[in-house]
Amino acid sequence: FADRADAGVKIRMLLGDPDSPEVAQRGTDEGINDGMAAQIKTALVFYR
């Protein structure tokens, strides 16, 4: 991603809002509950 961005490639990422009911519902659907919101926050750390 970093190499492509430096080469002029436009990178757009959409992550679920960790505070949204949609993310909470997806966490419930997958059986990980608050784990979904935690994963999103962790992904942001990796993308820092």
All heavy atoms as atom14 arrays in JSON, in Angstrom:
{
  "sequence": "FADRADAGVKIRMLLGDPDSPEVAQRGTDEGINDGMAAQIKTALVFYR",
  "atom14_mask": [
    [1, 1, 1, 1, 1, 1, 1, 1, 1, 1, 1, 0, 0, 0],
    [1, 1, 1, 1, 1, 0, 0, 0, 0, 0, 0, 0, 0, 0],
    [1, 1, 1, 1, 1, 1, 1, 1, 0, 0, 0, 0, 0, 0],
    [1, 1, 1, 1, 1, 1, 1, 1, 1, 1, 1, 0, 0, 0],
    [1, 1, 1, 1, 1, 0, 0, 0, 0, 0, 0, 0, 0, 0],
    [1, 1, 1, 1, 1, 1, 1, 1, 0, 0, 0, 0, 0, 0],
    [1, 1, 1, 1, 1, 0, 0, 0, 0, 0, 0, 0, 0, 0],
    [1, 1, 1, 1, 0, 0, 0, 0, 0, 0, 0, 0, 0, 0],
    [1, 1, 1, 1, 1, 1, 1, 0, 0, 0, 0, 0, 0, 0],
    [1, 1, 1, 1, 1, 1, 1, 1, 1, 0, 0, 0, 0, 0],
    [1, 1, 1, 1, 1, 1, 1, 1, 0, 0, 0, 0, 0, 0],
    [1, 1, 1, 1, 1, 1, 1, 1, 1, 1, 1, 0, 0, 0],
    [1, 1, 1, 1, 1, 1, 1, 1, 0, 0, 0, 0, 0, 0],
    [1, 1, 1, 1, 1, 1, 1, 1, 0, 0, 0, 0, 0, 0],
    [1, 1, 1, 1, 1, 1, 1, 1, 0, 0, 0, 0, 0, 0],
    [1, 1, 1, 1, 0, 0, 0, 0, 0, 0, 0, 0, 0, 0],
    [1, 1, 1, 1, 1, 1, 1, 1, 0, 0, 0, 0, 0, 0],
    [1, 1, 1, 1, 1, 1, 1, 0, 0, 0, 0, 0, 0, 0],
    [1, 1, 1, 1, 1, 1, 1, 1, 0, 0, 0, 0, 0, 0],
    [1, 1, 1, 1, 1, 1, 0, 0, 0, 0, 0, 0, 0, 0],
    [1, 1, 1, 1, 1, 1, 1, 0, 0, 0, 0, 0, 0, 0],
    [1, 1, 1, 1, 1, 1, 1, 1, 1, 0, 0, 0, 0, 0],
    [1, 1, 1, 1, 1, 1, 1, 0, 0, 0, 0, 0, 0, 0],
    [1, 1, 1, 1, 1, 0, 0, 0, 0, 0, 0, 0, 0, 0],
    [1, 1, 1, 1, 1, 1, 1, 1, 1, 0, 0, 0, 0, 0],
    [1, 1, 1, 1, 1, 1, 1, 1, 1, 1, 1, 0, 0, 0],
    [1, 1, 1, 1, 0, 0, 0, 0, 0, 0, 0, 0, 0, 0],
    [1, 1, 1, 1, 1, 1, 1, 0, 0, 0, 0, 0, 0, 0],
    [1, 1, 1, 1, 1, 1, 1, 1, 0, 0, 0, 0, 0, 0],
    [1, 1, 1, 1, 1, 1, 1, 1, 1, 0, 0, 0, 0, 0],
    [1, 1, 1, 1, 0, 0, 0, 0, 0, 0, 0, 0, 0, 0],
    [1, 1, 1, 1, 1, 1, 1, 1, 0, 0, 0, 0, 0, 0],
    [1, 1, 1, 1, 1, 1, 1, 1, 0, 0, 0, 0, 0, 0],
    [1, 1, 1, 1, 1, 1, 1, 1, 0, 0, 0, 0, 0, 0],
    [1, 1, 1, 1, 0, 0, 0, 0, 0, 0, 0, 0, 0, 0],
    [1, 1, 1, 1, 1, 1, 1, 1, 0, 0, 0, 0, 0, 0],
    [1, 1, 1, 1, 1, 0, 0, 0, 0, 0, 0, 0, 0, 0],
    [1, 1, 1, 1, 1, 0, 0, 0, 0, 0, 0, 0, 0, 0],
    [1, 1, 1, 1, 1, 1, 1, 1, 1, 0, 0, 0, 0, 0],
    [1, 1, 1, 1, 1, 1, 1, 1, 0, 0, 0, 0, 0, 0],
    [1, 1, 1, 1, 1, 1, 1, 1, 1, 0, 0, 0, 0, 0],
    [1, 1, 1, 1, 1, 1, 1, 0, 0, 0, 0, 0, 0, 0],
    [1, 1, 1, 1, 1, 0, 0, 0, 0, 0, 0, 0, 0, 0],
    [1, 1, 1, 1, 1, 1, 1, 1, 0, 0, 0, 0, 0, 0],
    [1, 1, 1, 1, 1, 1, 1, 0, 0, 0, 0, 0, 0, 0],
    [1, 1, 1, 1, 1, 1, 1, 1, 1, 1, 1, 0, 0, 0],
    [1, 1, 1, 1, 1, 1, 1, 1, 1, 1, 1, 1, 0, 0],
    [1, 1, 1, 1, 1, 1, 1, 1, 1, 1, 1, 0, 0, 0]
  ],
  "atom14_positions": [
    [[0.83, -1.2, 0.0], [0.0, 0.0, 0.0], [0.87, 1.26, 0.0], [0.62, 2.2, -0.75], [-0.92, 0.02, 1.23], [-2.02, -0.98, 1.21], [-2.61, -1.42, 2.39], [-2.51, -1.49, 0.02], [-3.64, -2.33, 2.39], [-3.55, -2.42, 0.0], [-4.11, -2.83, 1.19], [0.0, 0.0, 0.0], [0.0, 0.0, 0.0], [0.0, 0.0, 0.0]],
    [[1.87, 1.26, 0.85], [2.75, 2.43, 0.95], [3.49, 2.67, -0.37], [3.57, 3.81, -0.86], [3.74, 2.24, 2.09], [0.0, 0.0, 0.0], [0.0, 0.0, 0.0], [0.0, 0.0, 0.0], [0.0, 0.0, 0.0], [0.0, 0.0, 0.0], [0.0, 0.0, 0.0], [0.0, 0.0, 0.0], [0.0, 0.0, 0.0], [0.0, 0.0, 0.0]],
    [[3.99, 1.6, -0.96], [4.7, 1.72, -2.24], [3.79, 2.23, -3.34], [4.17, 3.1, -4.15], [5.29, 0.37, -2.66], [6.45, -0.07, -1.77], [7.0, 0.8, -1.05], [6.78, -1.27, -1.78], [0.0, 0.0, 0.0], [0.0, 0.0, 0.0], [0.0, 0.0, 0.0], [0.0, 0.0, 0.0], [0.0, 0.0, 0.0], [0.0, 0.0, 0.0]],
    [[2.58, 1.68, -3.39], [1.63, 2.1, -4.42], [1.23, 3.56, -4.22], [1.08, 4.31, -5.19], [0.39, 1.2, -4.39], [0.6, -0.25, -4.84], [0.9, -0.36, -6.33], [2.29, -0.08, -6.62], [2.74, 0.46, -7.74], [1.9, 0.82, -8.69], [4.02, 0.69, -7.95], [0.0, 0.0, 0.0], [0.0, 0.0, 0.0], [0.0, 0.0, 0.0]],
    [[1.01, 3.95, -2.97], [0.64, 5.34, -2.69], [1.75, 6.29, -3.13], [1.5, 7.34, -3.73], [0.34, 5.52, -1.2], [0.0, 0.0, 0.0], [0.0, 0.0, 0.0], [0.0, 0.0, 0.0], [0.0, 0.0, 0.0], [0.0, 0.0, 0.0], [0.0, 0.0, 0.0], [0.0, 0.0, 0.0], [0.0, 0.0, 0.0], [0.0, 0.0, 0.0]],
    [[3.01, 5.92, -2.85], [4.14, 6.76, -3.25], [4.28, 6.82, -4.78], [4.86, 7.77, -5.31], [5.44, 6.21, -2.64], [5.48, 6.41, -1.13], [4.71, 7.25, -0.63], [6.29, 5.73, -0.46], [0.0, 0.0, 0.0], [0.0, 0.0, 0.0], [0.0, 0.0, 0.0], [0.0, 0.0, 0.0], [0.0, 0.0, 0.0], [0.0, 0.0, 0.0]],
    [[3.73, 5.8, -5.47], [3.78, 5.78, -6.94], [2.61, 6.53, -7.55], [2.46, 6.56, -8.78], [3.79, 4.33, -7.44], [0.0, 0.0, 0.0], [0.0, 0.0, 0.0], [0.0, 0.0, 0.0], [0.0, 0.0, 0.0], [0.0, 0.0, 0.0], [0.0, 0.0, 0.0], [0.0, 0.0, 0.0], [0.0, 0.0, 0.0], [0.0, 0.0, 0.0]],
    [[1.77, 7.13, -6.7], [0.66, 7.93, -7.21], [-0.68, 7.23, -7.23], [-1.67, 7.81, -7.71], [0.0, 0.0, 0.0], [0.0, 0.0, 0.0], [0.0, 0.0, 0.0], [0.0, 0.0, 0.0], [0.0, 0.0, 0.0], [0.0, 0.0, 0.0], [0.0, 0.0, 0.0], [0.0, 0.0, 0.0], [0.0, 0.0, 0.0], [0.0, 0.0, 0.0]],
    [[-0.74, 6.01, -6.72], [-2.02, 5.28, -6.68], [-2.89, 5.84, -5.55], [-2.42, 6.0, -4.42], [-1.78, 3.77, -6.46], [-3.11, 3.03, -6.27], [-1.02, 3.18, -7.64], [0.0, 0.0, 0.0], [0.0, 0.0, 0.0], [0.0, 0.0, 0.0], [0.0, 0.0, 0.0], [0.0, 0.0, 0.0], [0.0, 0.0, 0.0], [0.0, 0.0, 0.0]],
    [[-4.13, 6.13, -5.85], [-5.07, 6.65, -4.86], [-5.64, 5.48, -4.05], [-6.19, 4.55, -4.63], [-6.2, 7.42, -5.55], [-7.2, 8.05, -4.59], [-8.25, 8.83, -5.36], [-9.26, 9.47, -4.42], [-10.31, 10.21, -5.17], [0.0, 0.0, 0.0], [0.0, 0.0, 0.0], [0.0, 0.0, 0.0], [0.0, 0.0, 0.0], [0.0, 0.0, 0.0]],
    [[-5.49, 5.54, -2.74], [-5.96, 4.46, -1.87], [-7.07, 4.98, -0.97], [-6.89, 5.95, -0.22], [-4.81, 3.89, -1.02], [-3.72, 3.31, -1.92], [-5.33, 2.81, -0.06], [-2.51, 2.78, -1.17], [0.0, 0.0, 0.0], [0.0, 0.0, 0.0], [0.0, 0.0, 0.0], [0.0, 0.0, 0.0], [0.0, 0.0, 0.0], [0.0, 0.0, 0.0]],
    [[-8.24, 4.33, -1.08], [-9.38, 4.68, -0.24], [-9.76, 3.47, 0.6], [-10.03, 2.39, 0.06], [-10.57, 5.12, -1.09], [-10.31, 6.33, -1.96], [-11.56, 6.79, -2.69], [-12.04, 5.78, -3.63], [-13.18, 5.89, -4.33], [-13.95, 6.95, -4.16], [-13.55, 4.95, -5.17], [0.0, 0.0, 0.0], [0.0, 0.0, 0.0], [0.0, 0.0, 0.0]],
    [[-9.8, 3.65, 1.92], [-10.18, 2.56, 2.81], [-11.42, 2.96, 3.6], [-11.48, 4.07, 4.15], [-9.05, 2.24, 3.79], [-7.84, 1.6, 3.19], [-6.73, 1.05, 4.51], [-5.38, 0.41, 3.53], [0.0, 0.0, 0.0], [0.0, 0.0, 0.0], [0.0, 0.0, 0.0], [0.0, 0.0, 0.0], [0.0, 0.0, 0.0], [0.0, 0.0, 0.0]],
    [[-12.37, 2.06, 3.66], [-13.57, 2.26, 4.45], [-13.61, 1.2, 5.54], [-13.68, 0.0, 5.26], [-14.81, 2.14, 3.56], [-15.14, 3.35, 2.7], [-16.11, 2.98, 1.58], [-15.73, 4.48, 3.55], [0.0, 0.0, 0.0], [0.0, 0.0, 0.0], [0.0, 0.0, 0.0], [0.0, 0.0, 0.0], [0.0, 0.0, 0.0], [0.0, 0.0, 0.0]],
    [[-13.54, 1.64, 6.79], [-13.67, 0.76, 7.95], [-14.98, 1.07, 8.65], [-15.47, 2.21, 8.63], [-12.5, 0.97, 8.92], [-11.08, 0.8, 8.38], [-10.07, 1.07, 9.5], [-10.87, -0.59, 7.82], [0.0, 0.0, 0.0], [0.0, 0.0, 0.0], [0.0, 0.0, 0.0], [0.0, 0.0, 0.0], [0.0, 0.0, 0.0], [0.0, 0.0, 0.0]],
    [[-15.54, 0.07, 9.31], [-16.76, 0.3, 10.06], [-16.5, 1.24, 11.24], [-15.45, 1.19, 11.88], [0.0, 0.0, 0.0], [0.0, 0.0, 0.0], [0.0, 0.0, 0.0], [0.0, 0.0, 0.0], [0.0, 0.0, 0.0], [0.0, 0.0, 0.0], [0.0, 0.0, 0.0], [0.0, 0.0, 0.0], [0.0, 0.0, 0.0], [0.0, 0.0, 0.0]],
    [[-17.45, 2.12, 11.51], [-17.35, 3.01, 12.66], [-17.48, 2.16, 13.92], [-18.53, 1.55, 14.15], [-18.46, 4.06, 12.61], [-18.33, 5.12, 13.68], [-17.76, 4.83, 14.75], [-18.79, 6.25, 13.47], [0.0, 0.0, 0.0], [0.0, 0.0, 0.0], [0.0, 0.0, 0.0], [0.0, 0.0, 0.0], [0.0, 0.0, 0.0], [0.0, 0.0, 0.0]],
    [[-16.42, 2.08, 14.75], [-16.49, 1.18, 15.91], [-17.58, 1.54, 16.91], [-17.95, 0.7, 17.75], [-15.08, 1.32, 16.53], [-14.56, 2.61, 16.02], [-15.14, 2.79, 14.65], [0.0, 0.0, 0.0], [0.0, 0.0, 0.0], [0.0, 0.0, 0.0], [0.0, 0.0, 0.0], [0.0, 0.0, 0.0], [0.0, 0.0, 0.0], [0.0, 0.0, 0.0]],
    [[-18.09, 2.77, 16.85], [-19.15, 3.19, 17.77], [-20.55, 3.06, 17.18], [-21.52, 3.48, 17.79], [-18.92, 4.65, 18.2], [-17.6, 4.85, 18.93], [-17.24, 3.95, 19.73], [-16.94, 5.87, 18.7], [0.0, 0.0, 0.0], [0.0, 0.0, 0.0], [0.0, 0.0, 0.0], [0.0, 0.0, 0.0], [0.0, 0.0, 0.0], [0.0, 0.0, 0.0]],
    [[-20.64, 2.48, 15.98], [-21.93, 2.41, 15.29], [-22.71, 1.15, 15.67], [-22.13, 0.11, 15.98], [-21.72, 2.44, 13.77], [-21.11, 1.23, 13.34], [0.0, 0.0, 0.0], [0.0, 0.0, 0.0], [0.0, 0.0, 0.0], [0.0, 0.0, 0.0], [0.0, 0.0, 0.0], [0.0, 0.0, 0.0], [0.0, 0.0, 0.0], [0.0, 0.0, 0.0]],
    [[-24.04, 1.23, 15.59], [-24.85, 0.03, 15.84], [-24.65, -1.04, 14.78], [-24.83, -2.24, 15.06], [-26.29, 0.57, 15.82], [-26.21, 1.86, 15.05], [-24.87, 2.42, 15.34], [0.0, 0.0, 0.0], [0.0, 0.0, 0.0], [0.0, 0.0, 0.0], [0.0, 0.0, 0.0], [0.0, 0.0, 0.0], [0.0, 0.0, 0.0], [0.0, 0.0, 0.0]],
    [[-24.25, -0.64, 13.57], [-24.02, -1.62, 12.51], [-22.83, -2.52, 12.84], [-22.87, -3.74, 12.63], [-23.77, -0.91, 11.17], [-24.99, -0.2, 10.59], [-25.28, 1.14, 11.23], [-24.42, 1.66, 11.99], [-26.36, 1.69, 10.98], [0.0, 0.0, 0.0], [0.0, 0.0, 0.0], [0.0, 0.0, 0.0], [0.0, 0.0, 0.0], [0.0, 0.0, 0.0]],
    [[-21.78, -1.93, 13.38], [-20.61, -2.72, 13.79], [-20.97, -3.61, 14.97], [-20.57, -4.78, 15.03], [-19.42, -1.79, 14.13], [-18.34, -2.55, 14.9], [-18.84, -1.2, 12.85], [0.0, 0.0, 0.0], [0.0, 0.0, 0.0], [0.0, 0.0, 0.0], [0.0, 0.0, 0.0], [0.0, 0.0, 0.0], [0.0, 0.0, 0.0], [0.0, 0.0, 0.0]],
    [[-21.73, -3.06, 15.91], [-22.14, -3.86, 17.07], [-22.96, -5.07, 16.63], [-22.77, -6.18, 17.13], [-22.94, -2.99, 18.04], [0.0, 0.0, 0.0], [0.0, 0.0, 0.0], [0.0, 0.0, 0.0], [0.0, 0.0, 0.0], [0.0, 0.0, 0.0], [0.0, 0.0, 0.0], [0.0, 0.0, 0.0], [0.0, 0.0, 0.0], [0.0, 0.0, 0.0]],
    [[-23.85, -4.86, 15.66], [-24.69, -5.95, 15.17], [-23.86, -6.99, 14.45], [-24.08, -8.2, 14.61], [-25.78, -5.41, 14.24], [-26.77, -6.47, 13.77], [-27.53, -7.11, 14.9], [-28.14, -6.41, 15.72], [-27.47, -8.44, 15.0], [0.0, 0.0, 0.0], [0.0, 0.0, 0.0], [0.0, 0.0, 0.0], [0.0, 0.0, 0.0], [0.0, 0.0, 0.0]],
    [[-22.88, -6.55, 13.64], [-22.02, -7.51, 12.95], [-21.21, -8.33, 13.95], [-21.0, -9.53, 13.76], [-21.1, -6.79, 11.97], [-20.22, -7.75, 11.15], [-21.06, -8.72, 10.33], [-20.23, -9.75, 9.71], [-20.71, -10.8, 9.04], [-22.01, -10.96, 8.89], [-19.88, -11.68, 8.5], [0.0, 0.0, 0.0], [0.0, 0.0, 0.0], [0.0, 0.0, 0.0]],
    [[-20.75, -7.69, 15.02], [-20.04, -8.42, 16.06], [-20.91, -9.49, 16.69], [-20.46, -10.62, 16.92], [0.0, 0.0, 0.0], [0.0, 0.0, 0.0], [0.0, 0.0, 0.0], [0.0, 0.0, 0.0], [0.0, 0.0, 0.0], [0.0, 0.0, 0.0], [0.0, 0.0, 0.0], [0.0, 0.0, 0.0], [0.0, 0.0, 0.0], [0.0, 0.0, 0.0]],
    [[-22.17, -9.14, 16.9], [-23.12, -10.11, 17.45], [-23.37, -11.25, 16.46], [-23.39, -12.43, 16.84], [-24.46, -9.42, 17.78], [-24.23, -8.39, 18.75], [-25.47, -10.43, 18.33], [0.0, 0.0, 0.0], [0.0, 0.0, 0.0], [0.0, 0.0, 0.0], [0.0, 0.0, 0.0], [0.0, 0.0, 0.0], [0.0, 0.0, 0.0], [0.0, 0.0, 0.0]],
    [[-23.54, -10.89, 15.18], [-23.8, -11.9, 14.14], [-22.66, -12.9, 14.03], [-22.88, -14.09, 13.76], [-24.03, -11.23, 12.78], [-25.3, -10.4, 12.74], [-26.14, -10.56, 13.64], [-25.45, -9.59, 11.81], [0.0, 0.0, 0.0], [0.0, 0.0, 0.0], [0.0, 0.0, 0.0], [0.0, 0.0, 0.0], [0.0, 0.0, 0.0], [0.0, 0.0, 0.0]],
    [[-21.43, -12.42, 14.2], [-20.27, -13.31, 14.09], [-19.94, -14.0, 15.41], [-19.03, -14.84, 15.46], [-19.05, -12.53, 13.6], [-19.11, -12.14, 12.14], [-17.76, -11.72, 11.57], [-16.77, -11.73, 12.34], [-17.69, -11.41, 10.38], [0.0, 0.0, 0.0], [0.0, 0.0, 0.0], [0.0, 0.0, 0.0], [0.0, 0.0, 0.0], [0.0, 0.0, 0.0]],
    [[-20.64, -13.6, 16.46], [-20.41, -14.23, 17.75], [-19.2, -13.7, 18.5], [-18.71, -14.34, 19.43], [0.0, 0.0, 0.0], [0.0, 0.0, 0.0], [0.0, 0.0, 0.0], [0.0, 0.0, 0.0], [0.0, 0.0, 0.0], [0.0, 0.0, 0.0], [0.0, 0.0, 0.0], [0.0, 0.0, 0.0], [0.0, 0.0, 0.0], [0.0, 0.0, 0.0]],
    [[-18.7, -12.49, 18.1], [-17.54, -11.93, 18.79], [-17.9, -10.65, 19.54], [-17.04, -10.06, 20.19], [-16.38, -11.66, 17.82], [-16.78, -10.65, 16.72], [-15.88, -12.96, 17.19], [-15.62, -10.23, 15.83], [0.0, 0.0, 0.0], [0.0, 0.0, 0.0], [0.0, 0.0, 0.0], [0.0, 0.0, 0.0], [0.0, 0.0, 0.0], [0.0, 0.0, 0.0]],
    [[-19.15, -10.23, 19.44], [-19.66, -9.08, 20.19], [-18.75, -7.85, 20.06], [-18.51, -7.39, 18.96], [-19.9, -9.48, 21.65], [-20.89, -10.62, 21.75], [-21.89, -10.64, 21.04], [-20.61, -11.59, 22.61], [0.0, 0.0, 0.0], [0.0, 0.0, 0.0], [0.0, 0.0, 0.0], [0.0, 0.0, 0.0], [0.0, 0.0, 0.0], [0.0, 0.0, 0.0]],
    [[-18.21, -7.35, 21.18], [-17.38, -6.14, 21.13], [-16.06, -6.36, 20.41], [-15.32, -5.41, 20.16], [-17.1, -5.64, 22.55], [-18.36, -5.15, 23.25], [-19.34, -4.86, 22.54], [-18.36, -5.06, 24.49], [0.0, 0.0, 0.0], [0.0, 0.0, 0.0], [0.0, 0.0, 0.0], [0.0, 0.0, 0.0], [0.0, 0.0, 0.0], [0.0, 0.0, 0.0]],
    [[-15.77, -7.62, 20.08], [-14.51, -7.91, 19.4], [-14.41, -7.25, 18.04], [-13.3, -6.93, 17.59], [0.0, 0.0, 0.0], [0.0, 0.0, 0.0], [0.0, 0.0, 0.0], [0.0, 0.0, 0.0], [0.0, 0.0, 0.0], [0.0, 0.0, 0.0], [0.0, 0.0, 0.0], [0.0, 0.0, 0.0], [0.0, 0.0, 0.0], [0.0, 0.0, 0.0]],
    [[-15.55, -7.02, 17.37], [-15.51, -6.38, 16.05], [-15.01, -4.95, 16.16], [-14.13, -4.51, 15.4], [-16.89, -6.41, 15.4], [-16.94, -5.78, 14.01], [-15.86, -6.61, 12.82], [-16.72, -8.19, 12.63], [0.0, 0.0, 0.0], [0.0, 0.0, 0.0], [0.0, 0.0, 0.0], [0.0, 0.0, 0.0], [0.0, 0.0, 0.0], [0.0, 0.0, 0.0]],
    [[-15.55, -4.19, 17.11], [-15.1, -2.81, 17.31], [-13.62, -2.79, 17.71], [-12.86, -1.92, 17.25], [-15.94, -2.12, 18.37], [0.0, 0.0, 0.0], [0.0, 0.0, 0.0], [0.0, 0.0, 0.0], [0.0, 0.0, 0.0], [0.0, 0.0, 0.0], [0.0, 0.0, 0.0], [0.0, 0.0, 0.0], [0.0, 0.0, 0.0], [0.0, 0.0, 0.0]],
    [[-13.2, -3.75, 18.52], [-11.81, -3.82, 18.95], [-10.89, -4.09, 17.75], [-9.79, -3.53, 17.65], [-11.63, -4.89, 20.01], [0.0, 0.0, 0.0], [0.0, 0.0, 0.0], [0.0, 0.0, 0.0], [0.0, 0.0, 0.0], [0.0, 0.0, 0.0], [0.0, 0.0, 0.0], [0.0, 0.0, 0.0], [0.0, 0.0, 0.0], [0.0, 0.0, 0.0]],
    [[-11.34, -4.95, 16.82], [-10.54, -5.25, 15.63], [-10.35, -4.0, 14.77], [-9.27, -3.78, 14.2], [-11.2, -6.35, 14.8], [-11.09, -7.74, 15.41], [-11.75, -8.8, 14.55], [-12.31, -8.5, 13.49], [-11.7, -10.04, 15.0], [0.0, 0.0, 0.0], [0.0, 0.0, 0.0], [0.0, 0.0, 0.0], [0.0, 0.0, 0.0], [0.0, 0.0, 0.0]],
    [[-11.4, -3.2, 14.65], [-11.3, -1.98, 13.85], [-10.28, -1.02, 14.44], [-9.43, -0.45, 13.74], [-12.68, -1.29, 13.74], [-13.65, -2.18, 12.97], [-12.56, 0.09, 13.08], [-15.09, -1.75, 13.06], [0.0, 0.0, 0.0], [0.0, 0.0, 0.0], [0.0, 0.0, 0.0], [0.0, 0.0, 0.0], [0.0, 0.0, 0.0], [0.0, 0.0, 0.0]],
    [[-10.33, -0.85, 15.76], [-9.37, 0.03, 16.42], [-7.94, -0.5, 16.28], [-6.99, 0.27, 16.1], [-9.75, 0.18, 17.89], [-11.07, 0.91, 18.09], [-11.5, 0.92, 19.55], [-12.86, 1.61, 19.72], [-13.32, 1.58, 21.13], [0.0, 0.0, 0.0], [0.0, 0.0, 0.0], [0.0, 0.0, 0.0], [0.0, 0.0, 0.0], [0.0, 0.0, 0.0]],
    [[-7.81, -1.84, 16.31], [-6.49, -2.45, 16.13], [-5.99, -2.23, 14.7], [-4.8, -1.94, 14.49], [-6.54, -3.95, 16.43], [-6.98, -4.14, 17.79], [-5.18, -4.6, 16.25], [0.0, 0.0, 0.0], [0.0, 0.0, 0.0], [0.0, 0.0, 0.0], [0.0, 0.0, 0.0], [0.0, 0.0, 0.0], [0.0, 0.0, 0.0], [0.0, 0.0, 0.0]],
    [[-6.89, -2.35, 13.72], [-6.51, -2.13, 12.32], [-5.97, -0.72, 12.13], [-4.98, -0.5, 11.43], [-7.71, -2.37, 11.4], [0.0, 0.0, 0.0], [0.0, 0.0, 0.0], [0.0, 0.0, 0.0], [0.0, 0.0, 0.0], [0.0, 0.0, 0.0], [0.0, 0.0, 0.0], [0.0, 0.0, 0.0], [0.0, 0.0, 0.0], [0.0, 0.0, 0.0]],
    [[-6.59, 0.27, 12.78], [-6.12, 1.65, 12.67], [-4.71, 1.81, 13.23], [-3.91, 2.59, 12.7], [-7.08, 2.59, 13.4], [-8.33, 3.02, 12.63], [-9.22, 3.88, 13.51], [-7.97, 3.76, 11.36], [0.0, 0.0, 0.0], [0.0, 0.0, 0.0], [0.0, 0.0, 0.0], [0.0, 0.0, 0.0], [0.0, 0.0, 0.0], [0.0, 0.0, 0.0]],
    [[-4.4, 1.06, 14.26], [-3.05, 1.1, 14.8], [-2.05, 0.59, 13.77], [-0.99, 1.18, 13.55], [-2.96, 0.27, 16.1], [-1.51, 0.17, 16.57], [-3.83, 0.88, 17.19], [0.0, 0.0, 0.0], [0.0, 0.0, 0.0], [0.0, 0.0, 0.0], [0.0, 0.0, 0.0], [0.0, 0.0, 0.0], [0.0, 0.0, 0.0], [0.0, 0.0, 0.0]],
    [[-2.39, -0.52, 13.11], [-1.49, -1.07, 12.08], [-1.34, -0.13, 10.89], [-0.31, -0.14, 10.21], [-2.01, -2.43, 11.6], [-1.75, -3.55, 12.57], [-2.8, -4.19, 13.2], [-0.46, -3.98, 12.84], [-2.56, -5.24, 14.1], [-0.21, -5.02, 13.72], [-1.26, -5.65, 14.36], [0.0, 0.0, 0.0], [0.0, 0.0, 0.0], [0.0, 0.0, 0.0]],
    [[-2.36, 0.7, 10.64], [-2.32, 1.62, 9.51], [-1.74, 2.99, 9.87], [-1.74, 3.91, 9.06], [-3.73, 1.83, 8.95], [-4.29, 0.63, 8.21], [-5.63, 0.26, 8.38], [-3.5, -0.11, 7.34], [-6.16, -0.83, 7.7], [-4.02, -1.2, 6.66], [-5.35, -1.55, 6.85], [-5.87, -2.63, 6.18], [0.0, 0.0, 0.0], [0.0, 0.0, 0.0]],
    [[-1.24, 3.13, 11.1], [-0.78, 4.44, 11.56], [0.28, 5.04, 10.64], [0.18, 6.21, 10.24], [-0.21, 4.29, 12.98], [0.19, 5.64, 13.62], [0.75, 5.4, 15.0], [-0.27, 4.84, 15.89], [0.01, 4.07, 16.95], [1.25, 3.75, 17.22], [-0.98, 3.63, 17.72], [0.0, 0.0, 0.0], [0.0, 0.0, 0.0], [0.0, 0.0, 0.0]]
  ]
}
